[in-house]
Amino acid sequence: MIACSDAKSLHCLLQSIHLDDAHRVNTRFNDALSAKAALRIEYWTWNQDMWCVLTSSPLLVYSHDLGLDACGGFIVIISDITSEKRAEYAYKQLAKDIQEHR
């Protein structure tokens, strides 16, 4: 869970994202924070050689017990989608090879 006002949590998250994707993810995440909107975004990790998907849903409640201020926060789930991305790229390459051999 990330509180809307917790810039430290976002900074920690961004450190795991590859530089090629960091600006895009940061922009989209900040837009979702501002709009208190859900987000789904795929990105490449910096040092673990894997693809991830970040999904977040707004939590629009004040809860001191959960560390949320009046802005609320987000439930954030990060999942490894490396095998799905590898299959997607293999499929695209196969389709390209078939087209070239027609």
PDB file of N, CA and C in Angstrom:
ATOM      1  N   MET A   1       0.845  -1.153   0.000  1.00  0.00           N
ATOM      2  CA  MET A   1       0.000   0.000   0.000  1.00  0.00           C
ATOM      3  C   MET A   1       0.905   1.235   0.000  1.00  0.00           C
ATOM      4  N   ILE A   2       0.561   2.195  -0.806  1.00  0.00           N
ATOM      5  CA  ILE A   2       1.310   3.441  -0.898  1.00  0.00           C
ATOM      6  C   ILE A   2       0.362   4.594  -0.591  1.00  0.00           C
ATOM      7  N   ALA A   3       0.722   5.417   0.371  1.00  0.00           N
ATOM      8  CA  ALA A   3      -0.071   6.607   0.675  1.00  0.00           C
ATOM      9  C   ALA A   3       0.163   7.639  -0.418  1.00  0.00           C
ATOM     10  N   CYS A   4      -0.874   8.393  -0.754  1.00  0.00           N
ATOM     11  CA  CYS A   4      -0.746   9.406  -1.814  1.00  0.00           C
ATOM     12  C   CYS A   4       0.365  10.399  -1.519  1.00  0.00           C
ATOM     13  N   SER A   5       0.573  10.698  -0.254  1.00  0.00           N
ATOM     14  CA  SER A   5       1.575  11.703   0.103  1.00  0.00           C
ATOM     15  C   SER A   5       2.953  11.100   0.368  1.00  0.00           C
ATOM     16  N   ASP A   6       3.130   9.814   0.135  1.00  0.00           N
ATOM     17  CA  ASP A   6       4.377   9.124   0.455  1.00  0.00           C
ATOM     18  C   ASP A   6       5.298   9.040  -0.755  1.00  0.00           C
ATOM     19  N   ALA A   7       6.073  10.082  -0.982  1.00  0.00           N
ATOM     20  CA  ALA A   7       6.992  10.115  -2.125  1.00  0.00           C
ATOM     21  C   ALA A   7       8.110   9.084  -1.978  1.00  0.00           C
ATOM     22  N   LYS A   8       8.452   8.708  -0.754  1.00  0.00           N
ATOM     23  CA  LYS A   8       9.524   7.737  -0.527  1.00  0.00           C
ATOM     24  C   LYS A   8       9.167   6.371  -1.118  1.00  0.00           C
ATOM     25  N   SER A   9       7.916   5.956  -0.963  1.00  0.00           N
ATOM     26  CA  SER A   9       7.499   4.662  -1.514  1.00  0.00           C
ATOM     27  C   SER A   9       7.632   4.652  -3.027  1.00  0.00           C
ATOM     28  N   LEU A  10       7.211   5.723  -3.681  1.00  0.00           N
ATOM     29  CA  LEU A  10       7.325   5.809  -5.137  1.00  0.00           C
ATOM     30  C   LEU A  10       8.787   5.814  -5.552  1.00  0.00           C
ATOM     31  N   HIS A  11       9.624   6.519  -4.818  1.00  0.00           N
ATOM     32  CA  HIS A  11      11.052   6.554  -5.138  1.00  0.00           C
ATOM     33  C   HIS A  11      11.651   5.144  -5.063  1.00  0.00           C
ATOM     34  N   CYS A  12      11.311   4.384  -4.036  1.00  0.00           N
ATOM     35  CA  CYS A  12      11.809   3.005  -3.900  1.00  0.00           C
ATOM     36  C   CYS A  12      11.341   2.145  -5.064  1.00  0.00           C
ATOM     37  N   LEU A  13      10.086   2.301  -5.446  1.00  0.00           N
ATOM     38  CA  LEU A  13       9.543   1.546  -6.569  1.00  0.00           C
ATOM     39  C   LEU A  13      10.293   1.881  -7.854  1.00  0.00           C
ATOM     40  N   LEU A  14      10.527   3.155  -8.110  1.00  0.00           N
ATOM     41  CA  LEU A  14      11.177   3.575  -9.350  1.00  0.00           C
ATOM     42  C   LEU A  14      12.615   3.075  -9.460  1.00  0.00           C
ATOM     43  N   GLN A  15      13.270   2.817  -8.352  1.00  0.00           N
ATOM     44  CA  GLN A  15      14.647   2.319  -8.394  1.00  0.00           C
ATOM     45  C   GLN A  15      14.733   0.940  -9.025  1.00  0.00           C
ATOM     46  N   SER A  16      13.642   0.181  -9.029  1.00  0.00           N
ATOM     47  CA  SER A  16      13.668  -1.157  -9.616  1.00  0.00           C
ATOM     48  C   SER A  16      13.341  -1.154 -11.103  1.00  0.00           C
ATOM     49  N   ILE A  17      12.930  -0.017 -11.643  1.00  0.00           N
ATOM     50  CA  ILE A  17      12.484   0.073 -13.036  1.00  0.00           C
ATOM     51  C   ILE A  17      13.637   0.492 -13.931  1.00  0.00           C
ATOM     52  N   HIS A  18      13.774  -0.162 -15.065  1.00  0.00           N
ATOM     53  CA  HIS A  18      14.840   0.154 -16.022  1.00  0.00           C
ATOM     54  C   HIS A  18      14.727   1.612 -16.470  1.00  0.00           C
ATOM     55  N   LEU A  19      15.865   2.232 -16.710  1.00  0.00           N
ATOM     56  CA  LEU A  19      15.883   3.646 -17.104  1.00  0.00           C
ATOM     57  C   LEU A  19      15.050   3.930 -18.350  1.00  0.00           C
ATOM     58  N   ASP A  20      14.991   2.959 -19.269  1.00  0.00           N
ATOM     59  CA  ASP A  20      14.201   3.149 -20.487  1.00  0.00           C
ATOM     60  C   ASP A  20      12.705   3.287 -20.194  1.00  0.00           C
ATOM     61  N   ASP A  21      12.253   2.729 -19.069  1.00  0.00           N
ATOM     62  CA  ASP A  21      10.831   2.750 -18.714  1.00  0.00           C
ATOM     63  C   ASP A  21      10.500   3.677 -17.547  1.00  0.00           C
ATOM     64  N   ALA A  22      11.500   4.128 -16.814  1.00  0.00           N
ATOM     65  CA  ALA A  22      11.275   4.858 -15.567  1.00  0.00           C
ATOM     66  C   ALA A  22      10.442   6.128 -15.758  1.00  0.00           C
ATOM     67  N   HIS A  23      10.759   6.931 -16.763  1.00  0.00           N
ATOM     68  CA  HIS A  23      10.015   8.186 -16.958  1.00  0.00           C
ATOM     69  C   HIS A  23       8.553   7.903 -17.293  1.00  0.00           C
ATOM     70  N   ARG A  24       8.324   6.931 -18.166  1.00  0.00           N
ATOM     71  CA  ARG A  24       6.950   6.582 -18.565  1.00  0.00           C
ATOM     72  C   ARG A  24       6.138   6.091 -17.363  1.00  0.00           C
ATOM     73  N   VAL A  25       6.742   5.203 -16.568  1.00  0.00           N
ATOM     74  CA  VAL A  25       6.036   4.668 -15.399  1.00  0.00           C
ATOM     75  C   VAL A  25       5.803   5.771 -14.371  1.00  0.00           C
ATOM     76  N   ASN A  26       6.807   6.586 -14.118  1.00  0.00           N
ATOM     77  CA  ASN A  26       6.677   7.685 -13.163  1.00  0.00           C
ATOM     78  C   ASN A  26       5.561   8.634 -13.565  1.00  0.00           C
ATOM     79  N   THR A  27       5.522   9.007 -14.840  1.00  0.00           N
ATOM     80  CA  THR A  27       4.492   9.926 -15.332  1.00  0.00           C
ATOM     81  C   THR A  27       3.105   9.326 -15.178  1.00  0.00           C
ATOM     82  N   ARG A  28       2.940   8.089 -15.635  1.00  0.00           N
ATOM     83  CA  ARG A  28       1.627   7.430 -15.543  1.00  0.00           C
ATOM     84  C   ARG A  28       1.190   7.232 -14.093  1.00  0.00           C
ATOM     85  N   PHE A  29       2.151   6.868 -13.210  1.00  0.00           N
ATOM     86  CA  PHE A  29       1.817   6.653 -11.808  1.00  0.00           C
ATOM     87  C   PHE A  29       1.401   7.969 -11.155  1.00  0.00           C
ATOM     88  N   ASN A  30       2.133   9.034 -11.424  1.00  0.00           N
ATOM     89  CA  ASN A  30       1.771  10.342 -10.861  1.00  0.00           C
ATOM     90  C   ASN A  30       0.436  10.835 -11.391  1.00  0.00           C
ATOM     91  N   ASP A  31       0.153  10.580 -12.675  1.00  0.00           N
ATOM     92  CA  ASP A  31      -1.154  10.938 -13.230  1.00  0.00           C
ATOM     93  C   ASP A  31      -2.272  10.183 -12.509  1.00  0.00           C
ATOM     94  N   ALA A  32      -2.041   8.890 -12.248  1.00  0.00           N
ATOM     95  CA  ALA A  32      -3.047   8.088 -11.538  1.00  0.00           C
ATOM     96  C   ALA A  32      -3.221   8.590 -10.104  1.00  0.00           C
ATOM     97  N   LEU A  33      -2.114   8.952  -9.457  1.00  0.00           N
ATOM     98  CA  LEU A  33      -2.204   9.509  -8.107  1.00  0.00           C
ATOM     99  C   LEU A  33      -3.049  10.774  -8.096  1.00  0.00           C
ATOM    100  N   SER A  34      -2.745  11.678  -9.015  1.00  0.00           N
ATOM    101  CA  SER A  34      -3.467  12.956  -9.074  1.00  0.00           C
ATOM    102  C   SER A  34      -4.950  12.760  -9.335  1.00  0.00           C
ATOM    103  N   ALA A  35      -5.268  11.831 -10.215  1.00  0.00           N
ATOM    104  CA  ALA A  35      -6.661  11.590 -10.595  1.00  0.00           C
ATOM    105  C   ALA A  35      -7.352  10.581  -9.672  1.00  0.00           C
ATOM    106  N   LYS A  36      -6.563   9.992  -8.760  1.00  0.00           N
ATOM    107  CA  LYS A  36      -7.084   8.915  -7.898  1.00  0.00           C
ATOM    108  C   LYS A  36      -7.757   7.840  -8.757  1.00  0.00           C
ATOM    109  N   ALA A  37      -7.014   7.427  -9.792  1.00  0.00           N
ATOM    110  CA  ALA A  37      -7.523   6.472 -10.779  1.00  0.00           C
ATOM    111  C   ALA A  37      -6.712   5.178 -10.728  1.00  0.00           C
ATOM    112  N   ALA A  38      -7.317   4.113 -11.196  1.00  0.00           N
ATOM    113  CA  ALA A  38      -6.629   2.827 -11.293  1.00  0.00           C
ATOM    114  C   ALA A  38      -5.563   2.897 -12.384  1.00  0.00           C
ATOM    115  N   LEU A  39      -4.598   2.009 -12.286  1.00  0.00           N
ATOM    116  CA  LEU A  39      -3.491   1.995 -13.250  1.00  0.00           C
ATOM    117  C   LEU A  39      -3.057   0.557 -13.498  1.00  0.00           C
ATOM    118  N   ARG A  40      -2.693   0.274 -14.742  1.00  0.00           N
ATOM    119  CA  ARG A  40      -2.036  -0.984 -15.112  1.00  0.00           C
ATOM    120  C   ARG A  40      -0.942  -0.621 -16.103  1.00  0.00           C
ATOM    121  N   ILE A  41       0.303  -0.958 -15.761  1.00  0.00           N
ATOM    122  CA  ILE A  41       1.411  -0.602 -16.639  1.00  0.00           C
ATOM    123  C   ILE A  41       2.497  -1.675 -16.555  1.00  0.00           C
ATOM    124  N   GLU A  42       3.026  -2.036 -17.721  1.00  0.00           N
ATOM    125  CA  GLU A  42       4.099  -3.022 -17.806  1.00  0.00           C
ATOM    126  C   GLU A  42       5.431  -2.289 -17.913  1.00  0.00           C
ATOM    127  N   TYR A  43       6.473  -2.918 -17.330  1.00  0.00           N
ATOM    128  CA  TYR A  43       7.805  -2.318 -17.402  1.00  0.00           C
ATOM    129  C   TYR A  43       8.881  -3.385 -17.249  1.00  0.00           C
ATOM    130  N   TRP A  44      10.082  -3.022 -17.669  1.00  0.00           N
ATOM    131  CA  TRP A  44      11.270  -3.869 -17.583  1.00  0.00           C
ATOM    132  C   TRP A  44      12.034  -3.479 -16.329  1.00  0.00           C
ATOM    133  N   THR A  45      12.517  -4.457 -15.568  1.00  0.00           N
ATOM    134  CA  THR A  45      13.230  -4.136 -14.331  1.00  0.00           C
ATOM    135  C   THR A  45      14.686  -3.794 -14.598  1.00  0.00           C
ATOM    136  N   TRP A  46      15.274  -3.130 -13.666  1.00  0.00           N
ATOM    137  CA  TRP A  46      16.627  -2.614 -13.809  1.00  0.00           C
ATOM    138  C   TRP A  46      17.684  -3.706 -13.718  1.00  0.00           C
ATOM    139  N   ASN A  47      17.664  -4.503 -12.668  1.00  0.00           N
ATOM    140  CA  ASN A  47      18.771  -5.435 -12.453  1.00  0.00           C
ATOM    141  C   ASN A  47      18.340  -6.888 -12.330  1.00  0.00           C
ATOM    142  N   GLN A  48      17.071  -7.187 -12.497  1.00  0.00           N
ATOM    143  CA  GLN A  48      16.626  -8.561 -12.327  1.00  0.00           C
ATOM    144  C   GLN A  48      16.266  -9.228 -13.649  1.00  0.00           C
ATOM    145  N   ASP A  49      16.441  -8.519 -14.750  1.00  0.00           N
ATOM    146  CA  ASP A  49      16.222  -9.091 -16.074  1.00  0.00           C
ATOM    147  C   ASP A  49      14.837  -9.740 -16.190  1.00  0.00           C
ATOM    148  N   MET A  50      13.819  -8.956 -15.816  1.00  0.00           N
ATOM    149  CA  MET A  50      12.461  -9.482 -15.898  1.00  0.00           C
ATOM    150  C   MET A  50      11.463  -8.384 -16.202  1.00  0.00           C
ATOM    151  N   TRP A  51      10.328  -8.799 -16.746  1.00  0.00           N
ATOM    152  CA  TRP A  51       9.205  -7.904 -17.000  1.00  0.00           C
ATOM    153  C   TRP A  51       8.246  -7.978 -15.826  1.00  0.00           C
ATOM    154  N   CYS A  52       7.673  -6.836 -15.468  1.00  0.00           N
ATOM    155  CA  CYS A  52       6.668  -6.783 -14.407  1.00  0.00           C
ATOM    156  C   CYS A  52       5.468  -5.994 -14.892  1.00  0.00           C
ATOM    157  N   VAL A  53       4.352  -6.221 -14.229  1.00  0.00           N
ATOM    158  CA  VAL A  53       3.171  -5.399 -14.429  1.00  0.00           C
ATOM    159  C   VAL A  53       2.793  -4.836 -13.065  1.00  0.00           C
ATOM    160  N   LEU A  54       2.567  -3.542 -13.033  1.00  0.00           N
ATOM    161  CA  LEU A  54       2.119  -2.860 -11.829  1.00  0.00           C
ATOM    162  C   LEU A  54       0.644  -2.544 -12.013  1.00  0.00           C
ATOM    163  N   THR A  55      -0.156  -2.977 -11.077  1.00  0.00           N
ATOM    164  CA  THR A  55      -1.570  -2.606 -11.066  1.00  0.00           C
ATOM    165  C   THR A  55      -1.828  -1.905  -9.742  1.00  0.00           C
ATOM    166  N   SER A  56      -2.608  -0.855  -9.803  1.00  0.00           N
ATOM    167  CA  SER A  56      -2.936  -0.139  -8.579  1.00  0.00           C
ATOM    168  C   SER A  56      -4.395   0.284  -8.611  1.00  0.00           C
ATOM    169  N   SER A  57      -4.970   0.313  -7.435  1.00  0.00           N
ATOM    170  CA  SER A  57      -6.352   0.751  -7.265  1.00  0.00           C
ATOM    171  C   SER A  57      -6.386   1.768  -6.140  1.00  0.00           C
ATOM    172  N   PRO A  58      -7.133   2.851  -6.340  1.00  0.00           N
ATOM    173  CA  PRO A  58      -7.190   3.876  -5.300  1.00  0.00           C
ATOM    174  C   PRO A  58      -7.912   3.377  -4.053  1.00  0.00           C
ATOM    175  N   LEU A  59      -7.441   3.810  -2.929  1.00  0.00           N
ATOM    176  CA  LEU A  59      -8.052   3.534  -1.635  1.00  0.00           C
ATOM    177  C   LEU A  59      -8.406   4.899  -1.054  1.00  0.00           C
ATOM    178  N   LEU A  60      -9.625   5.304  -1.223  1.00  0.00           N
ATOM    179  CA  LEU A  60     -10.040   6.676  -0.918  1.00  0.00           C
ATOM    180  C   LEU A  60     -10.629   6.789   0.486  1.00  0.00           C
ATOM    181  N   VAL A  61      -9.840   6.385   1.469  1.00  0.00           N
ATOM    182  CA  VAL A  61     -10.279   6.485   2.859  1.00  0.00           C
ATOM    183  C   VAL A  61      -9.148   7.053   3.695  1.00  0.00           C
ATOM    184  N   TYR A  62      -9.534   7.693   4.765  1.00  0.00           N
ATOM    185  CA  TYR A  62      -8.553   8.134   5.747  1.00  0.00           C
ATOM    186  C   TYR A  62      -8.409   7.037   6.780  1.00  0.00           C
ATOM    187  N   SER A  63      -7.202   6.606   7.046  1.00  0.00           N
ATOM    188  CA  SER A  63      -6.978   5.581   8.052  1.00  0.00           C
ATOM    189  C   SER A  63      -5.606   5.781   8.669  1.00  0.00           C
ATOM    190  N   HIS A  64      -5.592   6.334   9.854  1.00  0.00           N
ATOM    191  CA  HIS A  64      -4.324   6.516  10.555  1.00  0.00           C
ATOM    192  C   HIS A  64      -3.672   5.164  10.838  1.00  0.00           C
ATOM    193  N   ASP A  65      -4.488   4.148  11.123  1.00  0.00           N
ATOM    194  CA  ASP A  65      -3.962   2.807  11.407  1.00  0.00           C
ATOM    195  C   ASP A  65      -3.215   2.222  10.212  1.00  0.00           C
ATOM    196  N   LEU A  66      -3.647   2.554   9.012  1.00  0.00           N
ATOM    197  CA  LEU A  66      -3.003   2.050   7.792  1.00  0.00           C
ATOM    198  C   LEU A  66      -1.926   2.995   7.273  1.00  0.00           C
ATOM    199  N   GLY A  67      -1.696   4.099   7.953  1.00  0.00           N
ATOM    200  CA  GLY A  67      -0.697   5.067   7.518  1.00  0.00           C
ATOM    201  C   GLY A  67      -1.165   5.965   6.396  1.00  0.00           C
ATOM    202  N   LEU A  68      -2.484   6.095   6.233  1.00  0.00           N
ATOM    203  CA  LEU A  68      -3.039   6.928   5.178  1.00  0.00           C
ATOM    204  C   LEU A  68      -3.502   8.249   5.745  1.00  0.00           C
ATOM    205  N   ASP A  69      -3.236   9.305   5.006  1.00  0.00           N
ATOM    206  CA  ASP A  69      -3.719  10.614   5.419  1.00  0.00           C
ATOM    207  C   ASP A  69      -5.036  10.903   4.710  1.00  0.00           C
ATOM    208  N   ALA A  70      -5.465  12.143   4.716  1.00  0.00           N
ATOM    209  CA  ALA A  70      -6.751  12.503   4.113  1.00  0.00           C
ATOM    210  C   ALA A  70      -6.787  12.243   2.605  1.00  0.00           C
ATOM    211  N   CYS A  71      -5.622  12.155   1.969  1.00  0.00           N
ATOM    212  CA  CYS A  71      -5.567  11.884   0.525  1.00  0.00           C
ATOM    213  C   CYS A  71      -5.892  10.436   0.194  1.00  0.00           C
ATOM    214  N   GLY A  72      -5.792   9.558   1.175  1.00  0.00           N
ATOM    215  CA  GLY A  72      -5.991   8.132   0.903  1.00  0.00           C
ATOM    216  C   GLY A  72      -4.699   7.504   0.431  1.00  0.00           C
ATOM    217  N   GLY A  73      -4.814   6.522  -0.441  1.00  0.00           N
ATOM    218  CA  GLY A  73      -3.631   5.844  -0.933  1.00  0.00           C
ATOM    219  C   GLY A  73      -3.981   4.888  -2.056  1.00  0.00           C
ATOM    220  N   PHE A  74      -3.091   3.965  -2.317  1.00  0.00           N
ATOM    221  CA  PHE A  74      -3.278   2.994  -3.384  1.00  0.00           C
ATOM    222  C   PHE A  74      -2.879   1.612  -2.899  1.00  0.00           C
ATOM    223  N   ILE A  75      -3.641   0.621  -3.309  1.00  0.00           N
ATOM    224  CA  ILE A  75      -3.222  -0.767  -3.173  1.00  0.00           C
ATOM    225  C   ILE A  75      -2.440  -1.063  -4.448  1.00  0.00           C
ATOM    226  N   VAL A  76      -1.195  -1.476  -4.306  1.00  0.00           N
ATOM    227  CA  VAL A  76      -0.317  -1.706  -5.454  1.00  0.00           C
ATOM    228  C   VAL A  76       0.109  -3.166  -5.471  1.00  0.00           C
ATOM    229  N   ILE A  77      -0.041  -3.794  -6.627  1.00  0.00           N
ATOM    230  CA  ILE A  77       0.403  -5.174  -6.815  1.00  0.00           C
ATOM    231  C   ILE A  77       1.375  -5.187  -7.983  1.00  0.00           C
ATOM    232  N   ILE A  78       2.530  -5.815  -7.764  1.00  0.00           N
ATOM    233  CA  ILE A  78       3.531  -5.952  -8.819  1.00  0.00           C
ATOM    234  C   ILE A  78       3.712  -7.440  -9.071  1.00  0.00           C
ATOM    235  N   SER A  79       3.549  -7.845 -10.332  1.00  0.00           N
ATOM    236  CA  SER A  79       3.627  -9.260 -10.703  1.00  0.00           C
ATOM    237  C   SER A  79       4.669  -9.465 -11.792  1.00  0.00           C
ATOM    238  N   ASP A  80       5.354 -10.596 -11.721  1.00  0.00           N
ATOM    239  CA  ASP A  80       6.331 -10.993 -12.735  1.00  0.00           C
ATOM    240  C   ASP A  80       5.573 -11.541 -13.947  1.00  0.00           C
ATOM    241  N   ILE A  81       5.779 -10.931 -15.117  1.00  0.00           N
ATOM    242  CA  ILE A  81       5.134 -11.390 -16.356  1.00  0.00           C
ATOM    243  C   ILE A  81       6.178 -11.766 -17.405  1.00  0.00           C
ATOM    244  N   THR A  82       7.373 -12.117 -16.958  1.00  0.00           N
ATOM    245  CA  THR A  82       8.471 -12.424 -17.875  1.00  0.00           C
ATOM    246  C   THR A  82       8.118 -13.552 -18.833  1.00  0.00           C
ATOM    247  N   SER A  83       7.547 -14.633 -18.321  1.00  0.00           N
ATOM    248  CA  SER A  83       7.236 -15.770 -19.203  1.00  0.00           C
ATOM    249  C   SER A  83       6.189 -15.382 -20.240  1.00  0.00           C
ATOM    250  N   GLU A  84       5.219 -14.577 -19.856  1.00  0.00           N
ATOM    251  CA  GLU A  84       4.202 -14.126 -20.819  1.00  0.00           C
ATOM    252  C   GLU A  84       4.813 -13.231 -21.895  1.00  0.00           C
ATOM    253  N   LYS A  85       5.721 -12.339 -21.504  1.00  0.00           N
ATOM    254  CA  LYS A  85       6.367 -11.450 -22.470  1.00  0.00           C
ATOM    255  C   LYS A  85       7.276 -12.235 -23.426  1.00  0.00           C
ATOM    256  N   ARG A  86       7.968 -13.230 -22.911  1.00  0.00           N
ATOM    257  CA  ARG A  86       8.820 -14.056 -23.778  1.00  0.00           C
ATOM    258  C   ARG A  86       7.969 -14.812 -24.792  1.00  0.00           C
ATOM    259  N   ALA A  87       6.832 -15.337 -24.345  1.00  0.00           N
ATOM    260  CA  ALA A  87       5.926 -16.035 -25.263  1.00  0.00           C
ATOM    261  C   ALA A  87       5.367 -15.065 -26.300  1.00  0.00           C
ATOM    262  N   GLU A  88       5.032 -13.860 -25.889  1.00  0.00           N
ATOM    263  CA  GLU A  88       4.516 -12.847 -26.810  1.00  0.00           C
ATOM    264  C   GLU A  88       5.555 -12.512 -27.878  1.00  0.00           C
ATOM    265  N   TYR A  89       6.797 -12.300 -27.467  1.00  0.00           N
ATOM    266  CA  TYR A  89       7.853 -11.977 -28.434  1.00  0.00           C
ATOM    267  C   TYR A  89       8.138 -13.153 -29.363  1.00  0.00           C
ATOM    268  N   ALA A  90       8.105 -14.373 -28.837  1.00  0.00           N
ATOM    269  CA  ALA A  90       8.319 -15.559 -29.675  1.00  0.00           C
ATOM    270  C   ALA A  90       7.210 -15.682 -30.715  1.00  0.00           C
ATOM    271  N   TYR A  91       5.979 -15.419 -30.303  1.00  0.00           N
ATOM    272  CA  TYR A  91       4.847 -15.462 -31.221  1.00  0.00           C
ATOM    273  C   TYR A  91       4.996 -14.399 -32.311  1.00  0.00           C
ATOM    274  N   LYS A  92       5.375 -13.184 -31.932  1.00  0.00           N
ATOM    275  CA  LYS A  92       5.568 -12.112 -32.914  1.00  0.00           C
ATOM    276  C   LYS A  92       6.679 -12.459 -33.899  1.00  0.00           C
ATOM    277  N   GLN A  93       7.760 -13.051 -33.400  1.00  0.00           N
ATOM    278  CA  GLN A  93       8.861 -13.431 -34.281  1.00  0.00           C
ATOM    279  C   GLN A  93       8.428 -14.530 -35.239  1.00  0.00           C
ATOM    280  N   LEU A  94       7.670 -15.500 -34.752  1.00  0.00           N
ATOM    281  CA  LEU A  94       7.163 -16.577 -35.585  1.00  0.00           C
ATOM    282  C   LEU A  94       6.253 -16.019 -36.680  1.00  0.00           C
ATOM    283  N   ALA A  95       5.358 -15.106 -36.300  1.00  0.00           N
ATOM    284  CA  ALA A  95       4.449 -14.492 -37.278  1.00  0.00           C
ATOM    285  C   ALA A  95       5.248 -13.722 -38.335  1.00  0.00           C
ATOM    286  N   LYS A  96       6.288 -13.017 -37.906  1.00  0.00           N
ATOM    287  CA  LYS A  96       7.136 -12.272 -38.847  1.00  0.00           C
ATOM    288  C   LYS A  96       7.843 -13.236 -39.803  1.00  0.00           C
ATOM    289  N   ASP A  97       8.386 -14.332 -39.261  1.00  0.00           N
ATOM    290  CA  ASP A  97       9.077 -15.328 -40.090  1.00  0.00           C
ATOM    291  C   ASP A  97       8.136 -15.944 -41.104  1.00  0.00           C
ATOM    292  N   ILE A  98       6.915 -16.230 -40.702  1.00  0.00           N
ATOM    293  CA  ILE A  98       5.930 -16.808 -41.626  1.00  0.00           C
ATOM    294  C   ILE A  98       5.605 -15.823 -42.747  1.00  0.00           C
ATOM    295  N   GLN A  99       5.431 -14.555 -42.413  1.00  0.00           N
ATOM    296  CA  GLN A  99       5.147 -13.541 -43.419  1.00  0.00           C
ATOM    297  C   GLN A  99       6.285 -13.400 -44.423  1.00  0.00           C
ATOM    298  N   GLU A 100       7.517 -13.472 -43.953  1.00  0.00           N
ATOM    299  CA  GLU A 100       8.680 -13.328 -44.821  1.00  0.00           C
ATOM    300  C   GLU A 100       8.850 -14.507 -45.770  1.00  0.00           C
ATOM    301  N   HIS A 101       8.341 -15.665 -45.404  1.00  0.00           N
ATOM    302  CA  HIS A 101       8.509 -16.864 -46.222  1.00  0.00           C
ATOM    303  C   HIS A 101       7.313 -17.153 -47.138  1.00  0.00           C
ATOM    304  N   ARG A 102       6.386 -16.241 -47.214  1.00  0.00           N
ATOM    305  CA  ARG A 102       5.219 -16.449 -48.100  1.00  0.00           C
ATOM    306  C   ARG A 102       5.558 -16.069 -49.508  1.00  0.00           C
TER     307      ARG A 102
END
